[in-house]
């Protein structure tokens, strides 16, 4: 019984970590893998999803990559700099937290 509890804890934590890397619900997958350890295999083979603030789609090959990536790990192409219009000054600036021109908070 003790071994099964240890196995459940390990698979629950592993499932949660894998789910987080793939942009999936960490708490849900952690609980499911804790209750049903075999589900770790399922979360391993599931594809990544776009997760706001963590991942995005490559504009060239449409594969999921990390938001901070400068080069796509799948197709090898350099990614364009995403520009957004600042609601404060109206200038187009690179996507980020704040406008480098006026300091206004930029939309996500």
Foldseek 3Di string as FASTA:
>chain_A
DVVLQVLLQVLLQLQLVLCVVQQHDSNVRSVVCSVPVVCSVVSNPDHGDAHPPFWDAQPPPRHIDGPPDQADPPPRHGGDFDWDQAPPPRDTDGDDQADPVPRHGDDD
